C-alpha atoms as a PDB file:
ATOM      1  CA  UNK A   1    -121.721 -18.373 -32.500  1.00  0.00           C
ATOM      2  CA  UNK A   2    -121.184 -21.063 -30.198  1.00  0.00           C
ATOM      3  CA  UNK A   3    -123.211 -24.175 -30.256  1.00  0.00           C
ATOM      4  CA  UNK A   4    -125.887 -23.386 -27.657  1.00  0.00           C
ATOM      5  CA  UNK A   5    -126.858 -20.517 -29.918  1.00  0.00           C
ATOM      6  CA  UNK A   6    -127.661 -22.841 -32.833  1.00  0.00           C
ATOM      7  CA  UNK A   7    -130.061 -24.946 -31.145  1.00  0.00           C
ATOM      8  CA  UNK A   8    -133.337 -22.951 -30.753  1.00  0.00           C
ATOM      9  CA  UNK A   9    -136.321 -23.243 -28.421  1.00  0.00           C
ATOM     10  CA  UNK A  10    -137.843 -26.440 -27.804  1.00  0.00           C
ATOM     11  CA  UNK A  11    -141.250 -26.711 -26.625  1.00  0.00           C
ATOM     12  CA  UNK A  12    -142.586 -28.876 -24.119  1.00  0.00           C
ATOM     13  CA  UNK A  13    -143.442 -32.476 -25.282  1.00  0.00           C
ATOM     14  CA  UNK A  14    -142.435 -31.454 -28.663  1.00  0.00           C
ATOM     15  CA  UNK A  15    -141.068 -34.967 -29.375  1.00  0.00           C
ATOM     16  CA  UNK A  16    -144.426 -36.416 -29.232  1.00  0.00           C
ATOM     17  CA  UNK A  17    -146.491 -36.149 -32.464  1.00  0.00           C
ATOM     18  CA  UNK A  18    -149.252 -33.481 -32.330  1.00  0.00           C
ATOM     19  CA  UNK A  19    -152.367 -35.315 -33.502  1.00  0.00           C
ATOM     20  CA  UNK A  20    -154.401 -33.960 -36.227  1.00  0.00           C
ATOM     21  CA  UNK A  21    -158.137 -33.297 -35.466  1.00  0.00           C
ATOM     22  CA  UNK A  22    -160.476 -35.769 -37.107  1.00  0.00           C
ATOM     23  CA  UNK A  23    -162.697 -34.499 -39.685  1.00  0.00           C
ATOM     24  CA  UNK A  24    -165.787 -35.407 -37.520  1.00  0.00           C
ATOM     25  CA  UNK A  25    -164.376 -33.247 -34.831  1.00  0.00           C
ATOM     26  CA  UNK A  26    -164.134 -30.208 -37.222  1.00  0.00           C
ATOM     27  CA  UNK A  27    -167.445 -28.535 -38.254  1.00  0.00           C
ATOM     28  CA  UNK A  28    -169.513 -25.493 -38.166  1.00  0.00           C
ATOM     29  CA  UNK A  29    -173.060 -24.489 -37.513  1.00  0.00           C
ATOM     30  CA  UNK A  30    -175.232 -21.826 -39.306  1.00  0.00           C
ATOM     31  CA  UNK A  31    -176.931 -19.510 -36.781  1.00  0.00           C
ATOM     32  CA  UNK A  32    -179.885 -17.370 -36.965  1.00  0.00           C
ATOM     33  CA  UNK A  33    -182.374 -15.850 -35.175  1.00  0.00           C
ATOM     34  CA  UNK A  34    -180.761 -12.678 -33.599  1.00  0.00           C
ATOM     35  CA  UNK A  35    -181.868  -9.156 -34.167  1.00  0.00           C
ATOM     36  CA  UNK A  36    -180.432  -7.295 -37.195  1.00  0.00           C
ATOM     37  CA  UNK A  37    -179.847  -4.141 -35.425  1.00  0.00           C
ATOM     38  CA  UNK A  38    -176.960  -5.617 -33.174  1.00  0.00           C
ATOM     39  CA  UNK A  39    -173.249  -4.395 -34.369  1.00  0.00           C
ATOM     40  CA  UNK A  40    -171.486  -7.451 -35.763  1.00  0.00           C
ATOM     41  CA  UNK A  41    -168.815  -7.261 -33.264  1.00  0.00           C
ATOM     42  CA  UNK A  42    -171.359  -7.776 -30.454  1.00  0.00           C
ATOM     43  CA  UNK A  43    -172.859 -10.599 -32.556  1.00  0.00           C
ATOM     44  CA  UNK A  44    -169.410 -12.214 -32.571  1.00  0.00           C
ATOM     45  CA  UNK A  45    -168.549 -11.711 -29.068  1.00  0.00           C
ATOM     46  CA  UNK A  46    -171.955 -12.839 -27.942  1.00  0.00           C
ATOM     47  CA  UNK A  47    -171.836 -16.134 -29.991  1.00  0.00           C
ATOM     48  CA  UNK A  48    -168.364 -16.900 -28.732  1.00  0.00           C
ATOM     49  CA  UNK A  49    -169.218 -16.486 -25.382  1.00  0.00           C
ATOM     50  CA  UNK A  50    -172.613 -18.330 -25.616  1.00  0.00           C
ATOM     51  CA  UNK A  51    -170.718 -21.691 -27.486  1.00  0.00           C
ATOM     52  CA  UNK A  52    -167.322 -21.573 -25.487  1.00  0.00           C
ATOM     53  CA  UNK A  53    -168.346 -24.396 -23.352  1.00  0.00           C
ATOM     54  CA  UNK A  54    -169.131 -26.415 -26.538  1.00  0.00           C
ATOM     55  CA  UNK A  55    -165.223 -26.647 -27.766  1.00  0.00           C
ATOM     56  CA  UNK A  56    -162.843 -24.477 -29.322  1.00  0.00           C
ATOM     57  CA  UNK A  57    -164.007 -21.995 -31.498  1.00  0.00           C
ATOM     58  CA  UNK A  58    -161.917 -21.269 -34.433  1.00  0.00           C
ATOM     59  CA  UNK A  59    -163.906 -18.614 -36.159  1.00  0.00           C
ATOM     60  CA  UNK A  60    -167.034 -16.681 -36.068  1.00  0.00           C
ATOM     61  CA  UNK A  61    -168.206 -15.036 -39.438  1.00  0.00           C
ATOM     62  CA  UNK A  62    -171.344 -12.477 -39.184  1.00  0.00           C
ATOM     63  CA  UNK A  63    -172.758 -12.045 -42.488  1.00  0.00           C
ATOM     64  CA  UNK A  64    -173.261  -8.445 -43.542  1.00  0.00           C
ATOM     65  CA  UNK A  65    -177.069  -7.683 -42.683  1.00  0.00           C
ATOM     66  CA  UNK A  66    -176.237  -9.029 -39.311  1.00  0.00           C
ATOM     67  CA  UNK A  67    -179.223 -11.848 -39.364  1.00  0.00           C
ATOM     68  CA  UNK A  68    -177.176 -14.833 -39.697  1.00  0.00           C
ATOM     69  CA  UNK A  69    -173.658 -16.045 -38.698  1.00  0.00           C
ATOM     70  CA  UNK A  70    -171.243 -19.234 -38.928  1.00  0.00           C
ATOM     71  CA  UNK A  71    -169.470 -20.593 -35.980  1.00  0.00           C
ATOM     72  CA  UNK A  72    -166.511 -22.833 -36.769  1.00  0.00           C
ATOM     73  CA  UNK A  73    -165.603 -25.382 -34.093  1.00  0.00           C
ATOM     74  CA  UNK A  74    -162.563 -28.002 -33.251  1.00  0.00           C
ATOM     75  CA  UNK A  75    -162.944 -30.477 -30.865  1.00  0.00           C
ATOM     76  CA  UNK A  76    -164.509 -33.901 -30.023  1.00  0.00           C
ATOM     77  CA  UNK A  77    -168.231 -33.242 -30.118  1.00  0.00           C
ATOM     78  CA  UNK A  78    -168.031 -29.753 -30.168  1.00  0.00           C
ATOM     79  CA  UNK A  79    -170.717 -29.254 -33.000  1.00  0.00           C
ATOM     80  CA  UNK A  80    -173.100 -31.727 -31.164  1.00  0.00           C
ATOM     81  CA  UNK A  81    -172.795 -29.776 -27.912  1.00  0.00           C
ATOM     82  CA  UNK A  82    -173.660 -26.679 -30.034  1.00  0.00           C
ATOM     83  CA  UNK A  83    -176.517 -28.026 -31.604  1.00  0.00           C
ATOM     84  CA  UNK A  84    -178.009 -28.853 -28.339  1.00  0.00           C
ATOM     85  CA  UNK A  85    -178.215 -25.097 -27.625  1.00  0.00           C
ATOM     86  CA  UNK A  86    -180.793 -24.769 -30.449  1.00  0.00           C
ATOM     87  CA  UNK A  87    -183.409 -22.333 -29.471  1.00  0.00           C
ATOM     88  CA  UNK A  88    -181.634 -21.120 -26.453  1.00  0.00           C
ATOM     89  CA  UNK A  89    -181.642 -17.416 -25.750  1.00  0.00           C
ATOM     90  CA  UNK A  90    -178.227 -15.654 -26.072  1.00  0.00           C
ATOM     91  CA  UNK A  91    -177.566 -12.742 -23.943  1.00  0.00           C
ATOM     92  CA  UNK A  92    -176.308  -9.469 -25.594  1.00  0.00           C
ATOM     93  CA  UNK A  93    -178.342 -10.073 -28.737  1.00  0.00           C
ATOM     94  CA  UNK A  94    -181.680  -8.886 -27.517  1.00  0.00           C
ATOM     95  CA  UNK A  95    -184.387 -11.259 -27.187  1.00  0.00           C
ATOM     96  CA  UNK A  96    -182.753 -13.913 -29.544  1.00  0.00           C
ATOM     97  CA  UNK A  97    -183.338 -17.435 -30.278  1.00  0.00           C
ATOM     98  CA  UNK A  98    -180.956 -19.423 -32.046  1.00  0.00           C
ATOM     99  CA  UNK A  99    -181.770 -21.631 -34.601  1.00  0.00           C
ATOM    100  CA  UNK A 100    -178.874 -23.934 -35.649  1.00  0.00           C
ATOM    101  CA  UNK A 101    -177.714 -25.990 -38.354  1.00  0.00           C
ATOM    102  CA  UNK A 102    -174.567 -28.375 -39.029  1.00  0.00           C
ATOM    103  CA  UNK A 103    -173.333 -27.644 -42.561  1.00  0.00           C
ATOM    104  CA  UNK A 104    -170.566 -29.673 -44.325  1.00  0.00           C
ATOM    105  CA  UNK A 105    -169.150 -28.212 -47.768  1.00  0.00           C
ATOM    106  CA  UNK A 106    -167.976 -30.709 -50.187  1.00  0.00           C
ATOM    107  CA  UNK A 107    -165.938 -30.172 -53.238  1.00  0.00           C
ATOM    108  CA  UNK A 108    -166.316 -32.706 -56.215  1.00  0.00           C
ATOM    109  CA  UNK A 109    -163.775 -32.888 -58.939  1.00  0.00           C
ATOM    110  CA  UNK A 110    -162.559 -35.206 -61.557  1.00  0.00           C
ATOM    111  CA  UNK A 111    -165.847 -36.008 -63.137  1.00  0.00           C
ATOM    112  CA  UNK A 112    -166.749 -36.226 -66.844  1.00  0.00           C
ATOM    113  CA  UNK A 113    -166.711 -32.229 -67.597  1.00  0.00           C
ATOM    114  CA  UNK A 114    -168.288 -32.963 -71.156  1.00  0.00           C
ATOM    115  CA  UNK A 115    -171.798 -33.334 -69.249  1.00  0.00           C
ATOM    116  CA  UNK A 116    -174.079 -30.573 -68.976  1.00  0.00           C
ATOM    117  CA  UNK A 117    -174.274 -28.440 -65.714  1.00  0.00           C
ATOM    118  CA  UNK A 118    -177.956 -30.063 -64.993  1.00  0.00           C
ATOM    119  CA  UNK A 119    -176.316 -33.558 -65.608  1.00  0.00           C
ATOM    120  CA  UNK A 120    -173.629 -32.948 -63.051  1.00  0.00           C
ATOM    121  CA  UNK A 121    -175.725 -31.314 -60.552  1.00  0.00           C
ATOM    122  CA  UNK A 122    -178.412 -34.293 -60.586  1.00  0.00           C
ATOM    123  CA  UNK A 123    -175.572 -36.850 -60.699  1.00  0.00           C
ATOM    124  CA  UNK A 124    -173.865 -35.441 -57.640  1.00  0.00           C
ATOM    125  CA  UNK A 125    -176.930 -35.017 -55.674  1.00  0.00           C
ATOM    126  CA  UNK A 126    -177.922 -38.647 -56.380  1.00  0.00           C
ATOM    127  CA  UNK A 127    -174.663 -39.941 -55.433  1.00  0.00           C
ATOM    128  CA  UNK A 128    -174.243 -37.834 -52.084  1.00  0.00           C
ATOM    129  CA  UNK A 129    -177.971 -37.943 -51.121  1.00  0.00           C
ATOM    130  CA  UNK A 130    -177.057 -40.816 -48.888  1.00  0.00           C
ATOM    131  CA  UNK A 131    -174.599 -38.705 -46.912  1.00  0.00           C
ATOM    132  CA  UNK A 132    -177.491 -36.292 -45.820  1.00  0.00           C
ATOM    133  CA  UNK A 133    -179.535 -33.497 -47.075  1.00  0.00           C
ATOM    134  CA  UNK A 134    -177.800 -31.858 -50.286  1.00  0.00           C
ATOM    135  CA  UNK A 135    -178.506 -28.334 -50.199  1.00  0.00           C
ATOM    136  CA  UNK A 136    -176.716 -25.901 -52.226  1.00  0.00           C
ATOM    137  CA  UNK A 137    -174.880 -27.149 -55.441  1.00  0.00           C
ATOM    138  CA  UNK A 138    -172.382 -24.980 -57.452  1.00  0.00           C
ATOM    139  CA  UNK A 139    -171.183 -26.481 -60.778  1.00  0.00           C
ATOM    140  CA  UNK A 140    -168.123 -24.429 -61.872  1.00  0.00           C
ATOM    141  CA  UNK A 141    -166.610 -24.144 -65.253  1.00  0.00           C
ATOM    142  CA  UNK A 142    -163.247 -25.047 -63.963  1.00  0.00           C
ATOM    143  CA  UNK A 143    -164.141 -28.842 -63.612  1.00  0.00           C
ATOM    144  CA  UNK A 144    -165.298 -29.148 -59.929  1.00  0.00           C
ATOM    145  CA  UNK A 145    -168.566 -28.664 -58.113  1.00  0.00           C
ATOM    146  CA  UNK A 146    -169.158 -27.209 -54.537  1.00  0.00           C
ATOM    147  CA  UNK A 147    -172.053 -28.164 -52.437  1.00  0.00           C
ATOM    148  CA  UNK A 148    -173.153 -28.241 -48.859  1.00  0.00           C
ATOM    149  CA  UNK A 149    -174.475 -31.094 -47.047  1.00  0.00           C
ATOM    150  CA  UNK A 150    -176.770 -31.195 -43.668  1.00  0.00           C
ATOM    151  CA  UNK A 151    -176.313 -34.380 -41.726  1.00  0.00           C
ATOM    152  CA  UNK A 152    -174.604 -36.435 -39.203  1.00  0.00           C
ATOM    153  CA  UNK A 153    -170.851 -37.394 -40.226  1.00  0.00           C
ATOM    154  CA  UNK A 154    -171.604 -36.099 -43.644  1.00  0.00           C
ATOM    155  CA  UNK A 155    -167.872 -35.652 -44.476  1.00  0.00           C
ATOM    156  CA  UNK A 156    -166.918 -39.339 -43.787  1.00  0.00           C
ATOM    157  CA  UNK A 157    -170.012 -40.638 -45.755  1.00  0.00           C
ATOM    158  CA  UNK A 158    -168.978 -38.335 -48.413  1.00  0.00           C
ATOM    159  CA  UNK A 159    -165.248 -39.530 -48.422  1.00  0.00           C
ATOM    160  CA  UNK A 160    -166.489 -43.253 -48.552  1.00  0.00           C
ATOM    161  CA  UNK A 161    -167.829 -42.561 -52.020  1.00  0.00           C
ATOM    162  CA  UNK A 162    -164.706 -41.221 -53.185  1.00  0.00           C
ATOM    163  CA  UNK A 163    -163.981 -42.723 -56.460  1.00  0.00           C
ATOM    164  CA  UNK A 164    -167.401 -43.216 -57.547  1.00  0.00           C
ATOM    165  CA  UNK A 165    -168.613 -42.775 -61.136  1.00  0.00           C
ATOM    166  CA  UNK A 166    -170.181 -39.339 -62.077  1.00  0.00           C
ATOM    167  CA  UNK A 167    -171.003 -39.859 -65.597  1.00  0.00           C
ATOM    168  CA  UNK A 168    -168.208 -41.606 -67.341  1.00  0.00           C
ATOM    169  CA  UNK A 169    -165.486 -40.787 -65.036  1.00  0.00           C
ATOM    170  CA  UNK A 170    -164.645 -41.254 -61.304  1.00  0.00           C
ATOM    171  CA  UNK A 171    -165.353 -38.375 -58.970  1.00  0.00           C
ATOM    172  CA  UNK A 172    -162.956 -37.440 -56.329  1.00  0.00           C
ATOM    173  CA  UNK A 173    -164.909 -36.093 -53.298  1.00  0.00           C
ATOM    174  CA  UNK A 174    -162.721 -33.810 -50.769  1.00  0.00           C
ATOM    175  CA  UNK A 175    -164.300 -32.166 -47.983  1.00  0.00           C
ATOM    176  CA  UNK A 176    -163.416 -28.697 -47.711  1.00  0.00           C
ATOM    177  CA  UNK A 177    -162.404 -28.082 -43.963  1.00  0.00           C
ATOM    178  CA  UNK A 178    -162.564 -24.457 -44.494  1.00  0.00           C
ATOM    179  CA  UNK A 179    -159.093 -22.917 -42.951  1.00  0.00           C
ATOM    180  CA  UNK A 180    -158.242 -25.606 -40.849  1.00  0.00           C
ATOM    181  CA  UNK A 181    -157.231 -28.247 -43.580  1.00  0.00           C
ATOM    182  CA  UNK A 182    -155.450 -27.060 -46.912  1.00  0.00           C
ATOM    183  CA  UNK A 183    -158.269 -26.287 -49.410  1.00  0.00           C
ATOM    184  CA  UNK A 184    -156.173 -27.876 -52.525  1.00  0.00           C
ATOM    185  CA  UNK A 185    -155.034 -30.851 -50.678  1.00  0.00           C
ATOM    186  CA  UNK A 186    -154.866 -33.427 -53.390  1.00  0.00           C
ATOM    187  CA  UNK A 187    -156.894 -36.629 -52.543  1.00  0.00           C
ATOM    188  CA  UNK A 188    -156.634 -39.895 -54.510  1.00  0.00           C
ATOM    189  CA  UNK A 189    -159.442 -42.092 -55.623  1.00  0.00           C
ATOM    190  CA  UNK A 190    -159.941 -45.488 -53.540  1.00  0.00           C
END
């Protein structure tokens, strides 16, 4: 094997660092308001087409039952652009008017696990209420809590609270950026 066989392929501009997307440029919206009778594949296709101009769509998940979907975006202002389409009519879904909500899922771990589930939920809700509307809170038995926050720049605001006390221990907050960033990425307290 000569030396040229060992070099491999090189992409154009591969010397430049590939910028990682910022948390605020990654998001998802909850889409409701379309007919249940439309096949899931048709819903996904229509939503991809409808939101294509907003930014890069990384995934569309249509829930079983077909009346709700999550659309995942990457790109500066993509979710904000998509939210401007709230109430719009989507071709291919009948007379559907979409209702859109920005959602952010956050994982909290490292807190005092001797607290009751109710105490943990109340403490987490109180701590993160400044980040936006705290929706679902699920206290897991394995020492972490998952919750959904609705609000502008909720992930960034939640990260600023990293290391805050929840009970007698400091909580570690890690926004769960779905499949775009490793879910088990270790975060250190400030």
